[in-house]
């Protein structure tokens, strides 16, 4: 199993368990395949399966999350839009992390988008890396970017409305992977 797959599994298991990377790091997870070929992951060695050692998940420094950026950029008090309403521009839409010029210690990073007011229920964000769609549109302001090659990369986020039309694009953020 490749490093990318292991990292993705670590991320999914951490999200499913509702824990941070500290709780998942260093634990053994077992990959179990049932008689129908379905794959599940468990921390119960009694279920058998292949033992996997999870790679540590990178974490964001305390106080540097998109939520912090949203608090630092207050919305105008406009109520959050509801699906079906006409598109209303956002007051703030930018990549909060990683910051412009960041040198990543690893080939993966969380990408946090600061959005104010909060993302409407019928809007989505997609991640663009070096001019190409890296991750399809999701109703999320955090993305996980893995497998970056050494060199410089340009990140942007795009905001799509309920009809999947492009409404906003963040300024480019250039990062470097050693």
Protein backbone atom coordinates (compact mmCIF):
# COMPACT_ATOMS: atom_id res chain seq x y z
CA UNK A 1 0.00 0.00 0.00
CA UNK A 2 1.42 3.36 -1.03
CA UNK A 3 2.23 6.28 1.22
CA UNK A 4 -0.52 8.37 -0.41
CA UNK A 5 -3.16 5.69 0.25
CA UNK A 6 -1.97 5.27 3.86
CA UNK A 7 -2.14 9.04 4.42
CA UNK A 8 -5.64 9.16 2.91
CA UNK A 9 -6.73 6.25 5.13
CA UNK A 10 -5.26 8.03 8.18
CA UNK A 11 -7.19 11.17 7.31
CA UNK A 12 -10.46 9.27 6.80
CA UNK A 13 -10.11 7.27 9.99
CA UNK A 14 -9.30 10.41 12.00
CA UNK A 15 -12.35 12.14 10.53
CA UNK A 16 -14.59 9.12 11.17
CA UNK A 17 -13.42 8.78 14.76
CA UNK A 18 -13.73 12.51 15.32
CA UNK A 19 -10.22 12.68 16.70
CA UNK A 20 -7.15 14.72 15.90
CA UNK A 21 -4.00 13.27 14.48
CA UNK A 22 -2.47 12.76 17.93
CA UNK A 23 -5.07 10.13 18.79
CA UNK A 24 -4.57 8.23 15.52
CA UNK A 25 -0.77 8.48 15.30
CA UNK A 26 1.06 5.41 16.49
CA UNK A 27 -1.99 3.15 16.61
CA UNK A 28 -2.41 0.02 14.55
CA UNK A 29 -5.38 -0.22 12.24
CA UNK A 30 -6.44 -3.47 10.62
CA UNK A 31 -7.66 -3.72 7.02
CA UNK A 32 -10.29 -6.44 6.88
CA UNK A 33 -11.80 -7.92 3.70
CA UNK A 34 -15.07 -9.82 4.22
CA UNK A 35 -16.39 -12.78 2.19
CA UNK A 36 -18.05 -10.36 -0.28
CA UNK A 37 -14.84 -8.43 -0.94
CA UNK A 38 -15.88 -5.39 1.11
CA UNK A 39 -13.00 -3.59 2.79
CA UNK A 40 -13.34 -2.15 6.30
CA UNK A 41 -10.86 -0.69 8.76
CA UNK A 42 -10.88 -1.37 12.48
CA UNK A 43 -8.72 -1.00 15.56
CA UNK A 44 -9.96 -4.39 16.81
CA UNK A 45 -7.26 -7.03 16.22
CA UNK A 46 -9.83 -9.77 16.96
CA UNK A 47 -11.44 -9.19 13.55
CA UNK A 48 -8.22 -10.25 11.83
CA UNK A 49 -7.00 -8.59 8.69
CA UNK A 50 -3.81 -6.90 7.62
CA UNK A 51 -2.16 -4.61 10.20
CA UNK A 52 -1.42 -1.10 8.91
CA UNK A 53 0.83 1.44 10.57
CA UNK A 54 -0.63 4.88 9.99
CA UNK A 55 1.59 7.75 8.96
CA UNK A 56 1.27 10.81 11.19
CA UNK A 57 -1.16 13.45 10.01
CA UNK A 58 0.27 16.93 9.72
CA UNK A 59 -1.54 19.42 11.90
CA UNK A 60 -2.05 23.14 11.71
CA UNK A 61 -0.41 25.40 14.25
CA UNK A 62 -2.83 26.44 17.00
CA UNK A 63 -4.70 29.63 16.22
CA UNK A 64 -4.02 29.51 12.46
CA UNK A 65 -7.20 27.96 11.14
CA UNK A 66 -9.69 29.29 8.64
CA UNK A 67 -12.09 29.77 11.53
CA UNK A 68 -9.59 32.22 13.05
CA UNK A 69 -9.28 34.02 9.72
CA UNK A 70 -13.07 34.28 9.50
CA UNK A 71 -13.21 35.83 12.98
CA UNK A 72 -10.50 38.31 12.01
CA UNK A 73 -12.56 39.31 8.96
CA UNK A 74 -16.07 39.92 10.33
CA UNK A 75 -19.04 39.65 8.00
CA UNK A 76 -21.33 42.63 7.59
CA UNK A 77 -24.06 40.96 9.59
CA UNK A 78 -25.87 39.86 6.45
CA UNK A 79 -27.90 36.69 7.13
CA UNK A 80 -26.67 33.46 5.62
CA UNK A 81 -28.29 32.77 2.28
CA UNK A 82 -30.65 29.89 1.70
CA UNK A 83 -30.69 27.57 -1.32
CA UNK A 84 -32.63 28.97 -4.25
CA UNK A 85 -32.00 32.62 -3.41
CA UNK A 86 -30.13 34.76 -5.92
CA UNK A 87 -26.34 34.73 -5.62
CA UNK A 88 -25.00 37.28 -3.15
CA UNK A 89 -21.28 38.13 -3.27
CA UNK A 90 -19.13 37.15 -0.34
CA UNK A 91 -17.28 39.79 1.64
CA UNK A 92 -14.14 37.67 1.89
CA UNK A 93 -12.88 34.69 -0.12
CA UNK A 94 -9.18 33.82 0.09
CA UNK A 95 -6.78 31.01 0.92
CA UNK A 96 -5.91 31.40 4.60
CA UNK A 97 -3.43 28.50 4.79
CA UNK A 98 -0.88 27.81 3.54
CA UNK A 99 0.25 31.38 3.31
CA UNK A 100 1.87 33.02 0.30
CA UNK A 101 5.51 31.91 -0.07
CA UNK A 102 5.22 29.01 2.42
CA UNK A 103 7.83 26.25 2.24
CA UNK A 104 6.15 22.97 3.09
CA UNK A 105 8.16 20.46 5.14
CA UNK A 106 6.21 17.61 3.50
CA UNK A 107 4.54 16.80 0.19
CA UNK A 108 1.07 17.27 1.63
CA UNK A 109 -0.81 20.07 3.36
CA UNK A 110 -4.23 21.20 4.47
CA UNK A 111 -5.59 24.08 2.42
CA UNK A 112 -7.99 26.32 4.33
CA UNK A 113 -10.19 28.84 2.59
CA UNK A 114 -11.45 31.87 4.55
CA UNK A 115 -15.04 32.65 3.53
CA UNK A 116 -17.24 35.39 4.99
CA UNK A 117 -20.14 35.23 5.41
CA UNK A 118 -20.10 31.43 5.81
CA UNK A 119 -20.51 29.29 2.74
CA UNK A 120 -24.14 29.02 1.67
CA UNK A 121 -25.65 25.55 1.75
CA UNK A 122 -26.00 25.47 -2.03
CA UNK A 123 -22.49 26.75 -2.82
CA UNK A 124 -19.31 24.72 -3.21
CA UNK A 125 -15.58 25.32 -3.35
CA UNK A 126 -13.04 23.52 -5.52
CA UNK A 127 -9.26 23.56 -5.31
CA UNK A 128 -7.08 24.52 -8.29
CA UNK A 129 -3.36 23.58 -8.34
CA UNK A 130 -1.13 24.95 -11.09
CA UNK A 131 -4.17 25.95 -13.15
CA UNK A 132 -5.86 22.53 -13.09
CA UNK A 133 -8.70 21.28 -10.92
CA UNK A 134 -7.12 19.30 -8.11
CA UNK A 135 -10.23 18.48 -6.12
CA UNK A 136 -13.81 18.58 -7.27
CA UNK A 137 -16.25 21.03 -5.76
CA UNK A 138 -17.32 20.32 -2.18
CA UNK A 139 -19.33 22.16 0.41
CA UNK A 140 -16.19 22.71 2.48
CA UNK A 141 -13.61 25.33 3.34
CA UNK A 142 -10.81 22.82 4.09
CA UNK A 143 -9.10 20.56 1.56
CA UNK A 144 -6.33 18.00 1.91
CA UNK A 145 -3.64 18.26 -0.76
CA UNK A 146 -1.24 15.30 -1.12
CA UNK A 147 1.44 14.00 -3.44
CA UNK A 148 2.92 17.38 -4.36
CA UNK A 149 6.05 17.16 -6.50
CA UNK A 150 9.14 19.13 -5.50
CA UNK A 151 9.06 22.70 -6.77
CA UNK A 152 6.71 25.66 -6.75
CA UNK A 153 2.95 25.27 -6.91
CA UNK A 154 0.22 27.86 -7.39
CA UNK A 155 -2.97 27.31 -5.37
CA UNK A 156 -6.35 28.92 -5.93
CA UNK A 157 -9.87 28.15 -4.74
CA UNK A 158 -12.98 28.71 -6.80
CA UNK A 159 -16.47 29.29 -5.47
CA UNK A 160 -19.34 27.76 -7.45
CA UNK A 161 -23.00 28.72 -7.07
CA UNK A 162 -25.98 26.34 -6.99
CA UNK A 163 -25.84 26.00 -10.81
CA UNK A 164 -22.11 25.13 -10.67
CA UNK A 165 -21.22 28.51 -12.21
CA UNK A 166 -17.93 30.09 -11.16
CA UNK A 167 -18.62 33.14 -8.95
CA UNK A 168 -15.34 33.88 -7.18
CA UNK A 169 -11.68 32.89 -7.50
CA UNK A 170 -9.10 33.53 -4.80
CA UNK A 171 -5.86 35.34 -5.53
CA UNK A 172 -3.09 32.82 -6.27
CA UNK A 173 -0.95 31.56 -3.39
CA UNK A 174 2.48 30.22 -4.36
CA UNK A 175 4.04 27.51 -2.16
CA UNK A 176 7.29 25.57 -2.44
CA UNK A 177 7.87 21.88 -1.79
CA UNK A 178 11.57 21.09 -1.21
